Amino acid sequence: MIALLGLLRLQTRRPLSFADLSISAGLIFLPIGGRWLLLSRLGMEPMGFQEPLVLLTAAHFHLAGFVLPVLSGLA
């Protein structure tokens, strides 16, 4: 649902500023990190990656894909 909010923000904001684009991108990337975390907790090996790399990818997407774009957009 939060990714849909990000897509909706992209469509409705005109003119699209860097701050709006950054916040929307962060909202879109959050479910991607969630999927990697779910795969990690289920013990799956997506694309042949093993633990702890799957868990680290989830943490990376939450920080670099969600937190940093949203904070830079708000700043």
PDB file of N, CA and C in Angstrom:
ATOM      1  N   MET A   1       0.822  -1.187   0.000  1.00  0.00           N
ATOM      2  CA  MET A   1       0.000   0.000   0.000  1.00  0.00           C
ATOM      3  C   MET A   1       0.873   1.261   0.000  1.00  0.00           C
ATOM      4  N   ILE A   2       1.990   1.193   0.699  1.00  0.00           N
ATOM      5  CA  ILE A   2       2.829   2.384   0.771  1.00  0.00           C
ATOM      6  C   ILE A   2       3.501   2.662  -0.579  1.00  0.00           C
ATOM      7  N   ALA A   3       3.787   1.607  -1.341  1.00  0.00           N
ATOM      8  CA  ALA A   3       4.341   1.813  -2.683  1.00  0.00           C
ATOM      9  C   ALA A   3       3.303   2.458  -3.595  1.00  0.00           C
ATOM     10  N   LEU A   4       2.055   2.087  -3.423  1.00  0.00           N
ATOM     11  CA  LEU A   4       0.992   2.735  -4.210  1.00  0.00           C
ATOM     12  C   LEU A   4       0.877   4.210  -3.863  1.00  0.00           C
ATOM     13  N   LEU A   5       1.073   4.543  -2.592  1.00  0.00           N
ATOM     14  CA  LEU A   5       1.086   5.950  -2.198  1.00  0.00           C
ATOM     15  C   LEU A   5       2.229   6.687  -2.895  1.00  0.00           C
ATOM     16  N   GLY A   6       3.386   6.044  -2.969  1.00  0.00           N
ATOM     17  CA  GLY A   6       4.514   6.652  -3.673  1.00  0.00           C
ATOM     18  C   GLY A   6       4.221   6.879  -5.146  1.00  0.00           C
ATOM     19  N   LEU A   7       3.596   5.901  -5.794  1.00  0.00           N
ATOM     20  CA  LEU A   7       3.231   6.057  -7.208  1.00  0.00           C
ATOM     21  C   LEU A   7       2.176   7.140  -7.394  1.00  0.00           C
ATOM     22  N   LEU A   8       1.238   7.197  -6.470  1.00  0.00           N
ATOM     23  CA  LEU A   8       0.200   8.232  -6.532  1.00  0.00           C
ATOM     24  C   LEU A   8       0.805   9.619  -6.375  1.00  0.00           C
ATOM     25  N   ARG A   9       1.781   9.738  -5.485  1.00  0.00           N
ATOM     26  CA  ARG A   9       2.469  11.033  -5.307  1.00  0.00           C
ATOM     27  C   ARG A   9       3.176  11.456  -6.590  1.00  0.00           C
ATOM     28  N   LEU A  10       3.757  10.480  -7.296  1.00  0.00           N
ATOM     29  CA  LEU A  10       4.446  10.804  -8.551  1.00  0.00           C
ATOM     30  C   LEU A  10       3.479  11.326  -9.608  1.00  0.00           C
ATOM     31  N   GLN A  11       2.270  10.782  -9.623  1.00  0.00           N
ATOM     32  CA  GLN A  11       1.302  11.164 -10.645  1.00  0.00           C
ATOM     33  C   GLN A  11       0.605  12.485 -10.340  1.00  0.00           C
ATOM     34  N   THR A  12       0.413  12.779  -9.057  1.00  0.00           N
ATOM     35  CA  THR A  12      -0.393  13.945  -8.707  1.00  0.00           C
ATOM     36  C   THR A  12       0.411  15.206  -8.465  1.00  0.00           C
ATOM     37  N   ARG A  13       1.679  15.120  -8.212  1.00  0.00           N
ATOM     38  CA  ARG A  13       2.496  16.310  -7.910  1.00  0.00           C
ATOM     39  C   ARG A  13       3.018  16.921  -9.198  1.00  0.00           C
ATOM     40  N   ARG A  14       2.594  18.095  -9.511  1.00  0.00           N
ATOM     41  CA  ARG A  14       3.099  18.836 -10.675  1.00  0.00           C
ATOM     42  C   ARG A  14       3.270  20.284 -10.310  1.00  0.00           C
ATOM     43  N   PRO A  15       4.351  20.907 -10.560  1.00  0.00           N
ATOM     44  CA  PRO A  15       5.590  20.334 -11.097  1.00  0.00           C
ATOM     45  C   PRO A  15       6.270  19.471 -10.041  1.00  0.00           C
ATOM     46  N   LEU A  16       6.937  18.460 -10.500  1.00  0.00           N
ATOM     47  CA  LEU A  16       7.569  17.491  -9.612  1.00  0.00           C
ATOM     48  C   LEU A  16       8.925  18.021  -9.168  1.00  0.00           C
ATOM     49  N   SER A  17       9.054  18.322  -7.889  1.00  0.00           N
ATOM     50  CA  SER A  17      10.326  18.815  -7.366  1.00  0.00           C
ATOM     51  C   SER A  17      11.217  17.635  -6.975  1.00  0.00           C
ATOM     52  N   PHE A  18      12.477  17.944  -6.712  1.00  0.00           N
ATOM     53  CA  PHE A  18      13.407  16.904  -6.274  1.00  0.00           C
ATOM     54  C   PHE A  18      12.942  16.302  -4.962  1.00  0.00           C
ATOM     55  N   ALA A  19      12.421  17.123  -4.064  1.00  0.00           N
ATOM     56  CA  ALA A  19      11.955  16.628  -2.770  1.00  0.00           C
ATOM     57  C   ALA A  19      10.799  15.646  -2.950  1.00  0.00           C
ATOM     58  N   ASP A  20       9.842  15.973  -3.802  1.00  0.00           N
ATOM     59  CA  ASP A  20       8.717  15.065  -4.046  1.00  0.00           C
ATOM     60  C   ASP A  20       9.181  13.763  -4.686  1.00  0.00           C
ATOM     61  N   LEU A  21      10.092  13.862  -5.640  1.00  0.00           N
ATOM     62  CA  LEU A  21      10.618  12.670  -6.303  1.00  0.00           C
ATOM     63  C   LEU A  21      11.367  11.777  -5.317  1.00  0.00           C
ATOM     64  N   SER A  22      12.150  12.395  -4.452  1.00  0.00           N
ATOM     65  CA  SER A  22      12.933  11.636  -3.486  1.00  0.00           C
ATOM     66  C   SER A  22      12.035  10.914  -2.478  1.00  0.00           C
ATOM     67  N   ILE A  23      11.043  11.601  -1.958  1.00  0.00           N
ATOM     68  CA  ILE A  23      10.130  10.980  -0.997  1.00  0.00           C
ATOM     69  C   ILE A  23       9.347   9.858  -1.662  1.00  0.00           C
ATOM     70  N   SER A  24       8.866  10.093  -2.869  1.00  0.00           N
ATOM     71  CA  SER A  24       8.102   9.058  -3.582  1.00  0.00           C
ATOM     72  C   SER A  24       8.956   7.829  -3.863  1.00  0.00           C
ATOM     73  N   ALA A  25      10.205   8.040  -4.247  1.00  0.00           N
ATOM     74  CA  ALA A  25      11.102   6.908  -4.504  1.00  0.00           C
ATOM     75  C   ALA A  25      11.334   6.099  -3.229  1.00  0.00           C
ATOM     76  N   GLY A  26      11.498   6.788  -2.113  1.00  0.00           N
ATOM     77  CA  GLY A  26      11.665   6.078  -0.850  1.00  0.00           C
ATOM     78  C   GLY A  26      10.460   5.236  -0.500  1.00  0.00           C
ATOM     79  N   LEU A  27       9.272   5.763  -0.739  1.00  0.00           N
ATOM     80  CA  LEU A  27       8.049   5.016  -0.448  1.00  0.00           C
ATOM     81  C   LEU A  27       7.919   3.795  -1.359  1.00  0.00           C
ATOM     82  N   ILE A  28       8.379   3.926  -2.594  1.00  0.00           N
ATOM     83  CA  ILE A  28       8.295   2.808  -3.537  1.00  0.00           C
ATOM     84  C   ILE A  28       9.299   1.708  -3.174  1.00  0.00           C
ATOM     85  N   PHE A  29      10.477   2.079  -2.651  1.00  0.00           N
ATOM     86  CA  PHE A  29      11.504   1.087  -2.321  1.00  0.00           C
ATOM     87  C   PHE A  29      11.245   0.343  -1.019  1.00  0.00           C
ATOM     88  N   LEU A  30      10.391   0.862  -0.134  1.00  0.00           N
ATOM     89  CA  LEU A  30      10.169   0.213   1.151  1.00  0.00           C
ATOM     90  C   LEU A  30       9.656  -1.224   1.016  1.00  0.00           C
ATOM     91  N   PRO A  31       8.664  -1.507   0.190  1.00  0.00           N
ATOM     92  CA  PRO A  31       8.217  -2.912   0.069  1.00  0.00           C
ATOM     93  C   PRO A  31       9.270  -3.851  -0.516  1.00  0.00           C
ATOM     94  N   ILE A  32      10.197  -3.320  -1.286  1.00  0.00           N
ATOM     95  CA  ILE A  32      11.271  -4.163  -1.827  1.00  0.00           C
ATOM     96  C   ILE A  32      12.146  -4.664  -0.684  1.00  0.00           C
ATOM     97  N   GLY A  33      12.492  -3.772   0.236  1.00  0.00           N
ATOM     98  CA  GLY A  33      13.251  -4.190   1.416  1.00  0.00           C
ATOM     99  C   GLY A  33      12.475  -5.177   2.268  1.00  0.00           C
ATOM    100  N   GLY A  34      11.171  -4.967   2.357  1.00  0.00           N
ATOM    101  CA  GLY A  34      10.327  -5.892   3.114  1.00  0.00           C
ATOM    102  C   GLY A  34      10.301  -7.283   2.509  1.00  0.00           C
ATOM    103  N   ARG A  35      10.299  -7.338   1.193  1.00  0.00           N
ATOM    104  CA  ARG A  35      10.315  -8.650   0.531  1.00  0.00           C
ATOM    105  C   ARG A  35      11.626  -9.386   0.800  1.00  0.00           C
ATOM    106  N   TRP A  36      12.743  -8.671   0.737  1.00  0.00           N
ATOM    107  CA  TRP A  36      14.030  -9.299   1.022  1.00  0.00           C
ATOM    108  C   TRP A  36      14.087  -9.776   2.472  1.00  0.00           C
ATOM    109  N   LEU A  37      13.519  -8.998   3.392  1.00  0.00           N
ATOM    110  CA  LEU A  37      13.491  -9.427   4.791  1.00  0.00           C
ATOM    111  C   LEU A  37      12.636 -10.679   4.958  1.00  0.00           C
ATOM    112  N   LEU A  38      11.504 -10.719   4.303  1.00  0.00           N
ATOM    113  CA  LEU A  38      10.646 -11.901   4.360  1.00  0.00           C
ATOM    114  C   LEU A  38      11.369 -13.123   3.798  1.00  0.00           C
ATOM    115  N   LEU A  39      12.037 -12.954   2.669  1.00  0.00           N
ATOM    116  CA  LEU A  39      12.795 -14.071   2.085  1.00  0.00           C
ATOM    117  C   LEU A  39      13.884 -14.545   3.031  1.00  0.00           C
ATOM    118  N   SER A  40      14.525 -13.608   3.714  1.00  0.00           N
ATOM    119  CA  SER A  40      15.570 -13.969   4.665  1.00  0.00           C
ATOM    120  C   SER A  40      15.006 -14.783   5.815  1.00  0.00           C
ATOM    121  N   ARG A  41      13.885 -14.342   6.364  1.00  0.00           N
ATOM    122  CA  ARG A  41      13.298 -15.026   7.516  1.00  0.00           C
ATOM    123  C   ARG A  41      12.712 -16.377   7.140  1.00  0.00           C
ATOM    124  N   LEU A  42      12.310 -16.542   5.883  1.00  0.00           N
ATOM    125  CA  LEU A  42      11.802 -17.829   5.423  1.00  0.00           C
ATOM    126  C   LEU A  42      12.928 -18.797   5.065  1.00  0.00           C
ATOM    127  N   GLY A  43      14.163 -18.318   5.088  1.00  0.00           N
ATOM    128  CA  GLY A  43      15.298 -19.173   4.790  1.00  0.00           C
ATOM    129  C   GLY A  43      15.491 -19.429   3.302  1.00  0.00           C
ATOM    130  N   MET A  44      14.890 -18.612   2.473  1.00  0.00           N
ATOM    131  CA  MET A  44      15.003 -18.808   1.023  1.00  0.00           C
ATOM    132  C   MET A  44      16.313 -18.201   0.519  1.00  0.00           C
ATOM    133  N   GLU A  45      16.701 -18.618  -0.656  1.00  0.00           N
ATOM    134  CA  GLU A  45      17.929 -18.131  -1.277  1.00  0.00           C
ATOM    135  C   GLU A  45      17.596 -17.534  -2.647  1.00  0.00           C
ATOM    136  N   PRO A  46      17.090 -16.299  -2.675  1.00  0.00           N
ATOM    137  CA  PRO A  46      16.725 -15.692  -3.958  1.00  0.00           C
ATOM    138  C   PRO A  46      17.962 -15.446  -4.824  1.00  0.00           C
ATOM    139  N   MET A  47      17.842 -15.802  -6.078  1.00  0.00           N
ATOM    140  CA  MET A  47      18.914 -15.622  -7.063  1.00  0.00           C
ATOM    141  C   MET A  47      20.220 -16.266  -6.621  1.00  0.00           C
ATOM    142  N   GLY A  48      20.135 -17.287  -5.771  1.00  0.00           N
ATOM    143  CA  GLY A  48      21.322 -18.002  -5.321  1.00  0.00           C
ATOM    144  C   GLY A  48      22.063 -17.350  -4.166  1.00  0.00           C
ATOM    145  N   PHE A  49      21.572 -16.230  -3.661  1.00  0.00           N
ATOM    146  CA  PHE A  49      22.227 -15.568  -2.532  1.00  0.00           C
ATOM    147  C   PHE A  49      21.871 -16.280  -1.240  1.00  0.00           C
ATOM    148  N   GLN A  50      22.848 -16.426  -0.366  1.00  0.00           N
ATOM    149  CA  GLN A  50      22.643 -17.114   0.903  1.00  0.00           C
ATOM    150  C   GLN A  50      22.692 -16.113   2.050  1.00  0.00           C
ATOM    151  N   GLU A  51      22.300 -16.584   3.230  1.00  0.00           N
ATOM    152  CA  GLU A  51      22.421 -15.768   4.431  1.00  0.00           C
ATOM    153  C   GLU A  51      23.897 -15.541   4.725  1.00  0.00           C
ATOM    154  N   PRO A  52      24.332 -14.464   5.258  1.00  0.00           N
ATOM    155  CA  PRO A  52      23.587 -13.298   5.719  1.00  0.00           C
ATOM    156  C   PRO A  52      23.376 -12.242   4.631  1.00  0.00           C
ATOM    157  N   LEU A  53      23.754 -12.557   3.401  1.00  0.00           N
ATOM    158  CA  LEU A  53      23.657 -11.561   2.336  1.00  0.00           C
ATOM    159  C   LEU A  53      22.214 -11.144   2.072  1.00  0.00           C
ATOM    160  N   VAL A  54      21.275 -12.061   2.190  1.00  0.00           N
ATOM    161  CA  VAL A  54      19.865 -11.731   1.965  1.00  0.00           C
ATOM    162  C   VAL A  54      19.387 -10.762   3.047  1.00  0.00           C
ATOM    163  N   LEU A  55      19.754 -11.018   4.292  1.00  0.00           N
ATOM    164  CA  LEU A  55      19.384 -10.128   5.390  1.00  0.00           C
ATOM    165  C   LEU A  55      20.056  -8.761   5.243  1.00  0.00           C
ATOM    166  N   LEU A  56      21.301  -8.741   4.842  1.00  0.00           N
ATOM    167  CA  LEU A  56      22.004  -7.474   4.649  1.00  0.00           C
ATOM    168  C   LEU A  56      21.402  -6.670   3.498  1.00  0.00           C
ATOM    169  N   THR A  57      20.915  -7.362   2.470  1.00  0.00           N
ATOM    170  CA  THR A  57      20.246  -6.683   1.370  1.00  0.00           C
ATOM    171  C   THR A  57      18.957  -6.031   1.859  1.00  0.00           C
ATOM    172  N   ALA A  58      18.230  -6.707   2.715  1.00  0.00           N
ATOM    173  CA  ALA A  58      17.013  -6.134   3.291  1.00  0.00           C
ATOM    174  C   ALA A  58      17.343  -4.881   4.096  1.00  0.00           C
ATOM    175  N   ALA A  59      18.377  -4.955   4.912  1.00  0.00           N
ATOM    176  CA  ALA A  59      18.777  -3.787   5.706  1.00  0.00           C
ATOM    177  C   ALA A  59      19.225  -2.649   4.801  1.00  0.00           C
ATOM    178  N   HIS A  60      19.937  -2.976   3.734  1.00  0.00           N
ATOM    179  CA  HIS A  60      20.403  -1.956   2.794  1.00  0.00           C
ATOM    180  C   HIS A  60      19.227  -1.254   2.119  1.00  0.00           C
ATOM    181  N   PHE A  61      18.226  -2.014   1.678  1.00  0.00           N
ATOM    182  CA  PHE A  61      17.072  -1.404   1.029  1.00  0.00           C
ATOM    183  C   PHE A  61      16.286  -0.526   1.999  1.00  0.00           C
ATOM    184  N   HIS A  62      16.225  -0.915   3.269  1.00  0.00           N
ATOM    185  CA  HIS A  62      15.494  -0.092   4.228  1.00  0.00           C
ATOM    186  C   HIS A  62      16.232   1.210   4.511  1.00  0.00           C
ATOM    187  N   LEU A  63      17.544   1.157   4.572  1.00  0.00           N
ATOM    188  CA  LEU A  63      18.292   2.378   4.854  1.00  0.00           C
ATOM    189  C   LEU A  63      18.498   3.211   3.598  1.00  0.00           C
ATOM    190  N   ALA A  64      19.161   2.635   2.608  1.00  0.00           N
ATOM    191  CA  ALA A  64      19.507   3.395   1.402  1.00  0.00           C
ATOM    192  C   ALA A  64      18.324   3.591   0.473  1.00  0.00           C
ATOM    193  N   GLY A  65      17.350   2.701   0.522  1.00  0.00           N
ATOM    194  CA  GLY A  65      16.223   2.809  -0.387  1.00  0.00           C
ATOM    195  C   GLY A  65      15.032   3.543   0.184  1.00  0.00           C
ATOM    196  N   PHE A  66      14.890   3.562   1.518  1.00  0.00           N
ATOM    197  CA  PHE A  66      13.739   4.211   2.130  1.00  0.00           C
ATOM    198  C   PHE A  66      14.137   5.409   2.985  1.00  0.00           C
ATOM    199  N   VAL A  67      14.940   5.196   3.995  1.00  0.00           N
ATOM    200  CA  VAL A  67      15.224   6.250   4.959  1.00  0.00           C
ATOM    201  C   VAL A  67      15.966   7.417   4.339  1.00  0.00           C
ATOM    202  N   LEU A  68      17.040   7.147   3.621  1.00  0.00           N
ATOM    203  CA  LEU A  68      17.842   8.239   3.068  1.00  0.00           C
ATOM    204  C   LEU A  68      17.091   9.091   2.026  1.00  0.00           C
ATOM    205  N   PRO A  69      16.351   8.504   1.068  1.00  0.00           N
ATOM    206  CA  PRO A  69      15.605   9.358   0.145  1.00  0.00           C
ATOM    207  C   PRO A  69      14.511  10.178   0.843  1.00  0.00           C
ATOM    208  N   VAL A  70      13.829   9.583   1.804  1.00  0.00           N
ATOM    209  CA  VAL A  70      12.772  10.333   2.487  1.00  0.00           C
ATOM    210  C   VAL A  70      13.380  11.471   3.309  1.00  0.00           C
ATOM    211  N   LEU A  71      14.453  11.200   4.035  1.00  0.00           N
ATOM    212  CA  LEU A  71      15.082  12.267   4.809  1.00  0.00           C
ATOM    213  C   LEU A  71      15.662  13.368   3.931  1.00  0.00           C
ATOM    214  N   SER A  72      16.257  12.996   2.804  1.00  0.00           N
ATOM    215  CA  SER A  72      16.796  14.031   1.911  1.00  0.00           C
ATOM    216  C   SER A  72      15.669  14.831   1.276  1.00  0.00           C
ATOM    217  N   GLY A  73      14.546  14.191   1.004  1.00  0.00           N
ATOM    218  CA  GLY A  73      13.401  14.924   0.465  1.00  0.00           C
ATOM    219  C   GLY A  73      12.797  15.873   1.478  1.00  0.00           C
ATOM    220  N   LEU A  74      12.782  15.458   2.738  1.00  0.00           N
ATOM    221  CA  LEU A  74      12.246  16.318   3.781  1.00  0.00           C
ATOM    222  C   LEU A  74      13.186  17.465   4.132  1.00  0.00           C
ATOM    223  N   ALA A  75      14.496  17.229   3.930  1.00  0.00           N
ATOM    224  CA  ALA A  75      15.479  18.277   4.236  1.00  0.00           C
ATOM    225  C   ALA A  75      15.415  19.349   3.183  1.00  0.00           C
TER     226      ALA A  75
END
